[in-house]
Amino acid sequence: MLDLDEVTENIGLGRFQILQQLLVSGVRLADGAEILISSAVLSILQQEWHLSPALKGSMMSIIFIGVFFGNLIGGSVADIYGRRAAVIISYVGLIVFGLGSASSEGPMSMIVARFFFGIFYGFGMGPSVTLQVESCPKAWRGHMVNINNFFFTLGEIFAAWLLWAFLKDLNEKKTDEDNWRYVTALAISPAILILPFAVLLLYESPHFLVAKGKHEEALGVVRSMAI
């Protein structure tokens, strides 16, 4: 049996890897958008919920605490159940808790929603990158990681557009009481749109399949790469 790296090198980079990249990009997009919007709407929430400085800071930092724990969990789950499964789970969690942030009625529910948003982002971050680098030629692996990181920036650009469209003046409370919810919900829309396509079209890493003894499934993925 040929070494998978050798097979991947012979096939080269093509539309398979590009499609895979697009299908995992929603994880980074959602985080980039959520991070910018979370910080931008704090001034609105401080007025609306009468936040103390400590509580205001907690509502932002709790995301990164969640990312830490998500990173600890995601790699282990991806090694047991597969990179694809971890990415799909990450999408579902990001959508549920992204929308949960938008529907929060107070600081405690917002902190809980953002904590779990961070967990599910961290959960999918490593497996999404691993899925990519295990499916492309060696010379392109670093580039694919950089492209994956670019989608974080793209998420921030998308969030900036949302803020411009719905929250032009972050200090004008009378127009912001509902709009911050719309912006927070819309920030997760790329993940909502990508998820069904990821469920249908995202392939498992052939390296993971071989490691689990699923050689026929790995061969099927390799054939799809060669088309």
Protein backbone atom coordinates (compact mmCIF):
# COMPACT_ATOMS: atom_id res chain seq x y z
CA MET A 1 0.00 0.00 0.00
CA LEU A 2 1.34 3.44 -0.95
CA ASP A 3 2.18 5.95 1.75
CA LEU A 4 -0.63 8.50 2.01
CA ASP A 5 1.78 11.42 1.87
CA GLU A 6 3.20 10.03 -1.37
CA VAL A 7 -0.29 9.60 -2.82
CA THR A 8 -1.22 13.16 -1.84
CA GLU A 9 1.96 14.49 -3.41
CA ASN A 10 1.21 12.65 -6.64
CA ILE A 11 -2.35 13.98 -6.78
CA GLY A 12 -1.36 17.57 -5.93
CA LEU A 13 -3.50 20.49 -4.89
CA GLY A 14 -6.90 20.80 -6.53
CA ARG A 15 -10.55 21.63 -6.09
CA PHE A 16 -10.92 18.96 -3.39
CA GLN A 17 -8.62 20.86 -1.00
CA ILE A 18 -10.15 24.20 -1.93
CA LEU A 19 -13.64 22.91 -1.16
CA GLN A 20 -12.45 21.39 2.12
CA GLN A 21 -10.91 24.73 3.05
CA LEU A 22 -14.15 26.57 2.40
CA LEU A 23 -16.16 24.02 4.39
CA VAL A 24 -14.03 24.39 7.53
CA SER A 25 -13.63 28.17 7.19
CA GLY A 26 -16.87 28.96 9.01
CA VAL A 27 -15.25 28.11 12.34
CA ARG A 28 -12.69 30.88 11.93
CA LEU A 29 -15.21 33.24 10.33
CA ALA A 30 -17.61 32.90 13.25
CA ASP A 31 -14.90 33.55 15.81
CA GLY A 32 -13.52 36.60 14.01
CA ALA A 33 -16.98 38.11 13.78
CA GLU A 34 -17.95 37.25 17.37
CA ILE A 35 -14.75 38.65 18.90
CA LEU A 36 -15.14 42.05 17.22
CA ILE A 37 -18.87 42.31 17.88
CA SER A 38 -18.53 41.17 21.50
CA SER A 39 -16.14 44.00 22.25
CA ALA A 40 -18.07 46.56 20.19
CA VAL A 41 -21.44 46.05 21.89
CA LEU A 42 -20.03 46.24 25.42
CA SER A 43 -20.67 49.99 25.60
CA ILE A 44 -24.33 49.36 24.75
CA LEU A 45 -24.67 46.55 27.28
CA GLN A 46 -22.94 48.61 29.95
CA GLN A 47 -25.73 51.19 29.67
CA GLU A 48 -28.57 48.71 29.24
CA TRP A 49 -27.53 46.25 31.99
CA HIS A 50 -25.63 48.69 34.26
CA LEU A 51 -22.47 46.60 34.18
CA SER A 52 -19.66 47.03 36.67
CA PRO A 53 -16.11 47.26 35.20
CA ALA A 54 -15.35 43.72 36.46
CA LEU A 55 -18.48 42.25 34.91
CA LYS A 56 -17.86 44.12 31.67
CA GLY A 57 -14.34 42.67 31.48
CA SER A 58 -15.59 39.18 32.32
CA MET A 59 -18.04 39.23 29.42
CA MET A 60 -15.10 39.55 27.02
CA SER A 61 -12.40 37.47 28.70
CA ILE A 62 -14.72 34.50 29.32
CA ILE A 63 -14.62 33.72 25.57
CA PHE A 64 -10.88 33.06 25.71
CA ILE A 65 -11.20 30.93 28.84
CA GLY A 66 -13.69 28.83 26.89
CA VAL A 67 -11.27 28.61 23.94
CA PHE A 68 -8.61 27.24 26.30
CA PHE A 69 -10.85 24.41 27.50
CA GLY A 70 -12.16 23.79 23.99
CA ASN A 71 -8.62 23.32 22.72
CA LEU A 72 -7.96 20.76 25.45
CA ILE A 73 -11.04 18.75 24.51
CA GLY A 74 -11.20 19.12 20.73
CA GLY A 75 -7.95 17.35 19.88
CA SER A 76 -8.79 14.28 21.92
CA VAL A 77 -12.28 14.03 20.42
CA ALA A 78 -10.86 14.42 16.90
CA ASP A 79 -8.39 11.59 17.53
CA ILE A 80 -11.15 9.27 18.75
CA TYR A 81 -14.14 10.14 16.57
CA GLY A 82 -12.52 11.93 13.63
CA ARG A 83 -11.62 15.42 12.50
CA ARG A 84 -14.82 15.76 10.48
CA ALA A 85 -17.03 14.95 13.49
CA ALA A 86 -15.20 17.51 15.63
CA VAL A 87 -15.68 20.23 13.00
CA ILE A 88 -19.40 19.48 12.65
CA ILE A 89 -19.86 19.50 16.45
CA SER A 90 -17.98 22.82 16.57
CA TYR A 91 -20.33 24.35 14.00
CA VAL A 92 -23.41 23.25 15.92
CA GLY A 93 -22.08 24.63 19.20
CA LEU A 94 -21.05 27.94 17.63
CA ILE A 95 -24.51 28.41 16.14
CA VAL A 96 -26.39 27.45 19.33
CA PHE A 97 -24.34 29.64 21.66
CA GLY A 98 -23.88 32.45 19.15
CA LEU A 99 -27.64 32.74 18.95
CA GLY A 100 -27.74 32.29 22.73
CA SER A 101 -25.59 35.41 23.10
CA ALA A 102 -27.99 37.34 20.89
CA SER A 103 -30.99 36.31 23.00
CA SER A 104 -29.37 36.85 26.42
CA GLU A 105 -31.50 38.77 28.89
CA GLY A 106 -28.76 39.66 31.34
CA PRO A 107 -25.03 39.51 32.04
CA MET A 108 -25.02 36.01 33.55
CA SER A 109 -26.74 34.37 30.60
CA MET A 110 -24.42 36.29 28.25
CA ILE A 111 -21.33 35.11 30.14
CA VAL A 112 -22.51 31.48 29.99
CA ALA A 113 -23.30 31.73 26.26
CA ARG A 114 -19.95 33.31 25.47
CA PHE A 115 -18.06 30.77 27.56
CA PHE A 116 -19.58 27.89 25.62
CA PHE A 117 -19.10 29.76 22.34
CA GLY A 118 -15.41 29.90 23.19
CA ILE A 119 -15.39 26.21 24.06
CA PHE A 120 -16.87 25.20 20.73
CA TYR A 121 -14.56 27.51 18.80
CA GLY A 122 -11.51 26.05 20.54
CA PHE A 123 -13.02 22.59 20.07
CA GLY A 124 -13.07 22.98 16.26
CA MET A 125 -9.99 25.10 15.71
CA GLY A 126 -7.37 22.33 15.88
CA PRO A 127 -9.36 19.61 14.07
CA SER A 128 -10.25 21.98 11.20
CA VAL A 129 -6.57 22.79 10.60
CA THR A 130 -5.55 19.14 11.01
CA LEU A 131 -8.18 18.04 8.51
CA GLN A 132 -6.73 20.45 5.99
CA VAL A 133 -3.03 19.65 6.38
CA GLU A 134 -3.69 15.90 6.30
CA SER A 135 -5.43 16.27 2.93
CA CYS A 136 -3.00 18.39 0.94
CA PRO A 137 0.58 18.18 -0.39
CA LYS A 138 3.40 19.03 2.04
CA ALA A 139 4.43 22.17 0.16
CA TRP A 140 0.93 23.61 0.58
CA ARG A 141 0.29 22.80 4.22
CA GLY A 142 1.68 26.03 5.63
CA HIS A 143 -0.18 28.04 3.02
CA MET A 144 -3.46 26.30 3.83
CA VAL A 145 -3.01 27.12 7.53
CA ASN A 146 -2.41 30.76 6.62
CA ILE A 147 -5.49 30.80 4.40
CA ASN A 148 -7.49 29.32 7.28
CA ASN A 149 -6.28 32.17 9.49
CA PHE A 150 -7.31 34.66 6.79
CA PHE A 151 -10.93 33.69 7.36
CA PHE A 152 -10.65 35.02 10.93
CA THR A 153 -9.80 38.41 9.41
CA LEU A 154 -12.63 38.01 6.92
CA GLY A 155 -14.97 37.39 9.86
CA GLU A 156 -13.83 40.64 11.46
CA ILE A 157 -14.45 42.50 8.20
CA PHE A 158 -17.93 41.01 8.04
CA ALA A 159 -18.54 42.06 11.65
CA ALA A 160 -17.30 45.59 10.92
CA TRP A 161 -19.80 45.81 8.06
CA LEU A 162 -22.60 44.63 10.37
CA LEU A 163 -21.65 47.26 12.95
CA TRP A 164 -21.58 49.94 10.26
CA ALA A 165 -24.95 48.86 8.91
CA PHE A 166 -26.82 48.45 12.20
CA LEU A 167 -24.86 50.25 14.92
CA LYS A 168 -23.36 53.37 13.37
CA ASP A 169 -23.27 55.13 16.74
CA LEU A 170 -22.44 52.74 19.57
CA ASN A 171 -23.23 55.42 22.15
CA GLU A 172 -26.70 56.25 20.85
CA LYS A 173 -28.73 54.02 23.13
CA LYS A 174 -32.18 54.68 21.71
CA THR A 175 -31.34 53.00 18.40
CA ASP A 176 -29.20 50.23 19.84
CA GLU A 177 -31.44 48.45 22.31
CA ASP A 178 -32.57 45.87 19.74
CA ASN A 179 -29.95 46.28 17.05
CA TRP A 180 -27.11 44.75 19.06
CA ARG A 181 -29.11 41.52 19.15
CA TYR A 182 -29.55 41.53 15.37
CA VAL A 183 -25.84 42.14 14.84
CA THR A 184 -24.83 39.38 17.26
CA ALA A 185 -27.20 36.91 15.60
CA LEU A 186 -26.15 37.86 12.06
CA ALA A 187 -22.48 37.37 13.01
CA ILE A 188 -23.12 33.63 13.17
CA SER A 189 -24.92 33.51 9.80
CA PRO A 190 -21.85 32.28 7.84
CA ALA A 191 -21.67 29.22 10.09
CA ILE A 192 -25.40 28.61 9.66
CA LEU A 193 -25.01 28.75 5.88
CA ILE A 194 -21.90 26.55 5.74
CA LEU A 195 -23.04 23.85 8.19
CA PRO A 196 -25.44 21.96 5.84
CA PHE A 197 -22.80 21.92 3.10
CA ALA A 198 -20.19 20.68 5.58
CA VAL A 199 -22.50 17.85 6.65
CA LEU A 200 -23.01 16.81 3.02
CA LEU A 201 -19.61 17.50 1.44
CA LEU A 202 -16.88 17.53 4.11
CA TYR A 203 -14.66 14.44 3.93
CA GLU A 204 -12.82 12.77 6.77
CA SER A 205 -9.03 12.89 6.88
CA PRO A 206 -7.61 9.86 5.03
CA HIS A 207 -4.81 9.70 7.62
CA PHE A 208 -7.35 9.32 10.43
CA LEU A 209 -9.22 6.61 8.51
CA VAL A 210 -6.03 4.62 7.90
CA ALA A 211 -5.04 4.99 11.56
CA LYS A 212 -8.42 3.51 12.51
CA GLY A 213 -8.05 0.64 10.03
CA LYS A 214 -10.74 1.96 7.68
CA HIS A 215 -8.72 1.46 4.53
CA GLU A 216 -11.65 1.26 2.12
CA GLU A 217 -13.04 4.58 3.35
CA ALA A 218 -9.59 6.14 3.10
CA LEU A 219 -9.32 4.89 -0.47
CA GLY A 220 -12.67 6.49 -1.25
CA VAL A 221 -11.41 9.85 0.02
CA VAL A 222 -8.23 9.54 -2.03
CA ARG A 223 -10.28 8.79 -5.14
CA SER A 224 -12.33 11.94 -4.49
CA MET A 225 -9.09 13.93 -4.17
CA ALA A 226 -7.96 12.67 -7.57
CA ILE A 227 -11.14 13.66 -9.44
